[in-house]
Amino acid sequence: MLGRRGEGPSAARRGVADAPLEAWTGPCEGACLSRRVLRIDAVHRLSGVDEALPLVEAQYREHRIRIARNRLRSALAGLLRGRGVLLVARFGASAAGVAVVSWTWTVERGGKTAWLDELYVVPAFRGSGIGRRLLVRAVAEARRAGCASIELEVVRGHGRAARLYRRERFSPLFRSRYSRAL
């Protein structure tokens, strides 16, 4: 269970997300030592975009989403101009996951809202709690930015993700989402 260093498992259950360093002791299929430090950092420079880019591309390959690399890089860089937050989870030098959150304005929620655009964990690190830690941090960043809510979508049939969101008190909306390219 993750929590602030020195606070133990109860801190993670309370949803502590503002500390950048967290102790981690979960499994990762031999890809890490039995005890390493997990960092979740907000990206503020283009070099961080370049680190997050392969993670988002991997997510898109898994979901069969096509977008040109230069367009995706430009979209991620656009978040750095006050449009959202890009979070990268790391074990030492290894990027282990990413969360992409953008700000929007919705009358239904009464103003500024966060949209969790992407949440991805490298396959070797899945099941270790990184997705949850990224989600908790994304919620904290949205709250800090003055958002009234955080919204997201789940690909049909992705039960593992849906269970994570329900455990973290997200409620399903009984409507369909549509899109039209312009």
Protein backbone atom coordinates (compact mmCIF):
# COMPACT_ATOMS: atom_id res chain seq x y z
CA MET A 1 0.00 0.00 0.00
CA LEU A 2 1.35 3.42 -0.91
CA GLY A 3 1.41 6.43 1.33
CA ARG A 4 3.64 9.27 2.35
CA ARG A 5 7.01 8.13 3.46
CA GLY A 6 6.83 7.26 7.16
CA GLU A 7 3.02 7.38 7.36
CA GLY A 8 2.30 3.76 6.47
CA PRO A 9 -0.71 2.28 4.68
CA SER A 10 -3.38 4.40 6.35
CA ALA A 11 -2.13 7.53 4.55
CA ALA A 12 -2.79 5.93 1.17
CA ARG A 13 -6.34 5.00 2.23
CA ARG A 14 -6.94 8.64 3.14
CA GLY A 15 -5.93 9.61 -0.41
CA VAL A 16 -2.76 11.56 0.39
CA ALA A 17 -1.42 12.77 -2.95
CA ASP A 18 0.55 15.94 -2.45
CA ALA A 19 3.90 14.35 -1.53
CA PRO A 20 6.09 13.74 -4.58
CA LEU A 21 7.91 10.73 -3.09
CA GLU A 22 6.12 7.60 -1.96
CA ALA A 23 7.41 4.27 -0.71
CA TRP A 24 6.38 1.32 -2.84
CA THR A 25 6.72 -2.39 -2.13
CA GLY A 26 4.39 -4.05 -4.67
CA PRO A 27 5.26 -6.60 -7.35
CA CYS A 28 6.67 -5.58 -10.71
CA GLU A 29 7.67 -8.89 -12.31
CA GLY A 30 11.38 -8.53 -11.68
CA ALA A 31 11.57 -5.09 -13.29
CA CYS A 32 12.55 -3.43 -10.01
CA LEU A 33 14.07 -4.10 -6.64
CA SER A 34 11.81 -5.24 -3.81
CA ARG A 35 11.72 -1.70 -2.39
CA ARG A 36 12.10 1.40 -4.57
CA VAL A 37 10.80 4.94 -4.53
CA LEU A 38 7.86 5.93 -6.70
CA ARG A 39 7.80 9.57 -7.80
CA ILE A 40 4.87 11.24 -9.46
CA ASP A 41 5.93 14.52 -10.99
CA ALA A 42 3.97 17.20 -12.81
CA VAL A 43 5.69 18.01 -16.10
CA HIS A 44 6.64 21.67 -16.61
CA ARG A 45 9.16 21.43 -19.48
CA LEU A 46 9.17 20.09 -23.03
CA SER A 47 11.72 17.45 -21.98
CA GLY A 48 9.02 15.97 -19.75
CA VAL A 49 6.64 15.89 -22.72
CA ASP A 50 9.23 13.87 -24.61
CA GLU A 51 9.40 11.42 -21.69
CA ALA A 52 5.59 11.08 -21.51
CA LEU A 53 5.09 10.79 -25.28
CA PRO A 54 6.08 7.09 -25.63
CA LEU A 55 3.77 6.21 -22.73
CA VAL A 56 0.77 7.91 -24.32
CA GLU A 57 1.66 6.34 -27.67
CA ALA A 58 1.69 2.89 -26.01
CA GLN A 59 -1.76 3.61 -24.53
CA TYR A 60 -3.04 4.59 -27.97
CA ARG A 61 -1.60 1.44 -29.58
CA GLU A 62 -3.43 -0.68 -26.98
CA HIS A 63 -6.69 1.14 -27.74
CA ARG A 64 -6.11 1.34 -31.50
CA ILE A 65 -6.17 5.15 -31.55
CA ARG A 66 -4.27 6.76 -34.40
CA ILE A 67 -2.69 10.18 -34.15
CA ALA A 68 0.49 11.50 -35.74
CA ARG A 69 3.41 11.71 -33.31
CA ASN A 70 4.04 15.42 -33.97
CA ARG A 71 0.35 16.24 -33.40
CA LEU A 72 0.29 14.25 -30.15
CA ARG A 73 3.49 15.92 -28.95
CA SER A 74 2.02 19.33 -29.75
CA ALA A 75 -1.18 18.48 -27.85
CA LEU A 76 0.78 17.34 -24.79
CA ALA A 77 2.96 20.46 -24.94
CA GLY A 78 -0.24 22.55 -25.07
CA LEU A 79 -1.12 21.35 -21.58
CA LEU A 80 1.96 23.17 -20.29
CA ARG A 81 0.32 26.48 -21.25
CA GLY A 82 -2.27 26.37 -18.47
CA ARG A 83 -4.64 23.94 -20.17
CA GLY A 84 -4.12 21.03 -17.77
CA VAL A 85 -1.49 18.89 -16.13
CA LEU A 86 0.73 16.06 -17.32
CA LEU A 87 1.84 13.63 -14.59
CA VAL A 88 4.61 11.06 -14.98
CA ALA A 89 5.15 8.20 -12.50
CA ARG A 90 8.74 7.00 -12.19
CA PHE A 91 10.68 4.27 -10.41
CA GLY A 92 14.20 5.63 -10.38
CA ALA A 93 14.99 6.42 -14.01
CA SER A 94 12.17 4.23 -15.37
CA ALA A 95 8.93 5.87 -16.51
CA ALA A 96 6.18 3.62 -15.16
CA GLY A 97 2.97 5.51 -16.00
CA VAL A 98 1.33 8.72 -17.10
CA ALA A 99 -1.85 10.69 -16.43
CA VAL A 100 -3.04 13.42 -18.79
CA VAL A 101 -5.60 15.86 -17.36
CA SER A 102 -7.05 18.83 -19.24
CA TRP A 103 -9.21 21.67 -18.01
CA THR A 104 -12.57 22.43 -19.55
CA TRP A 105 -15.59 24.59 -18.71
CA THR A 106 -19.02 23.04 -18.33
CA VAL A 107 -22.31 24.61 -17.37
CA GLU A 108 -23.58 21.25 -16.09
CA ARG A 109 -20.89 21.21 -13.38
CA GLY A 110 -21.00 24.95 -12.77
CA GLY A 111 -17.64 25.94 -14.21
CA LYS A 112 -14.11 24.63 -14.52
CA THR A 113 -13.91 20.85 -14.80
CA ALA A 114 -11.04 18.40 -15.22
CA TRP A 115 -11.07 15.76 -17.93
CA LEU A 116 -8.87 12.70 -17.25
CA ASP A 117 -7.87 12.20 -20.85
CA GLU A 118 -5.37 9.37 -20.30
CA LEU A 119 -4.26 7.11 -17.47
CA TYR A 120 -1.66 4.55 -18.50
CA VAL A 121 0.65 2.21 -16.60
CA VAL A 122 3.46 0.27 -18.29
CA PRO A 123 2.41 -3.42 -18.41
CA ALA A 124 5.32 -4.63 -16.22
CA PHE A 125 4.11 -2.31 -13.41
CA ARG A 126 0.36 -3.00 -13.61
CA GLY A 127 -1.33 -4.31 -10.48
CA SER A 128 1.15 -2.51 -8.24
CA GLY A 129 -1.01 0.51 -7.35
CA ILE A 130 0.61 3.02 -9.71
CA GLY A 131 -2.65 3.65 -11.57
CA ARG A 132 -4.39 4.44 -8.31
CA ARG A 133 -1.58 6.77 -7.21
CA LEU A 134 -1.72 8.61 -10.55
CA LEU A 135 -5.50 8.90 -10.24
CA VAL A 136 -5.34 10.22 -6.67
CA ARG A 137 -2.71 12.76 -7.72
CA ALA A 138 -4.80 13.80 -10.76
CA VAL A 139 -7.79 14.42 -8.49
CA ALA A 140 -5.62 16.49 -6.13
CA GLU A 141 -4.27 18.56 -9.05
CA ALA A 142 -7.83 19.17 -10.32
CA ARG A 143 -8.94 20.25 -6.85
CA ARG A 144 -5.90 22.54 -6.55
CA ALA A 145 -6.79 24.10 -9.95
CA GLY A 146 -10.30 24.93 -8.69
CA CYS A 147 -12.19 22.32 -10.69
CA ALA A 148 -15.74 21.43 -9.64
CA SER A 149 -15.35 17.80 -10.77
CA ILE A 150 -13.16 15.41 -12.69
CA GLU A 151 -14.69 13.48 -15.57
CA LEU A 152 -13.42 10.49 -17.54
CA GLU A 153 -14.46 7.72 -19.85
CA VAL A 154 -13.77 3.98 -19.78
CA VAL A 155 -13.43 1.85 -22.89
CA ARG A 156 -16.27 -0.67 -23.03
CA GLY A 157 -15.13 -3.99 -21.56
CA HIS A 158 -12.27 -2.47 -19.53
CA GLY A 159 -13.55 -3.76 -16.18
CA ARG A 160 -10.27 -3.35 -14.34
CA ALA A 161 -10.24 0.40 -15.01
CA ALA A 162 -13.94 0.75 -14.16
CA ARG A 163 -13.38 -0.98 -10.80
CA LEU A 164 -10.50 1.38 -9.99
CA TYR A 165 -12.66 4.43 -10.70
CA ARG A 166 -15.57 3.10 -8.63
CA ARG A 167 -13.23 2.34 -5.71
CA GLU A 168 -12.09 5.97 -5.91
CA ARG A 169 -15.73 7.20 -5.69
CA PHE A 170 -16.35 7.95 -9.38
CA SER A 171 -19.95 7.36 -10.45
CA PRO A 172 -20.96 6.11 -13.87
CA LEU A 173 -22.98 8.52 -15.99
CA PHE A 174 -25.75 6.81 -17.89
CA ARG A 175 -25.23 8.43 -21.25
CA SER A 176 -23.16 7.83 -24.35
CA ARG A 177 -20.30 9.98 -25.51
CA TYR A 178 -20.09 10.99 -29.15
CA SER A 179 -17.32 12.60 -31.16
CA ARG A 180 -16.92 14.29 -34.53
CA ALA A 181 -13.59 15.17 -36.07
CA LEU A 182 -13.38 18.71 -37.44
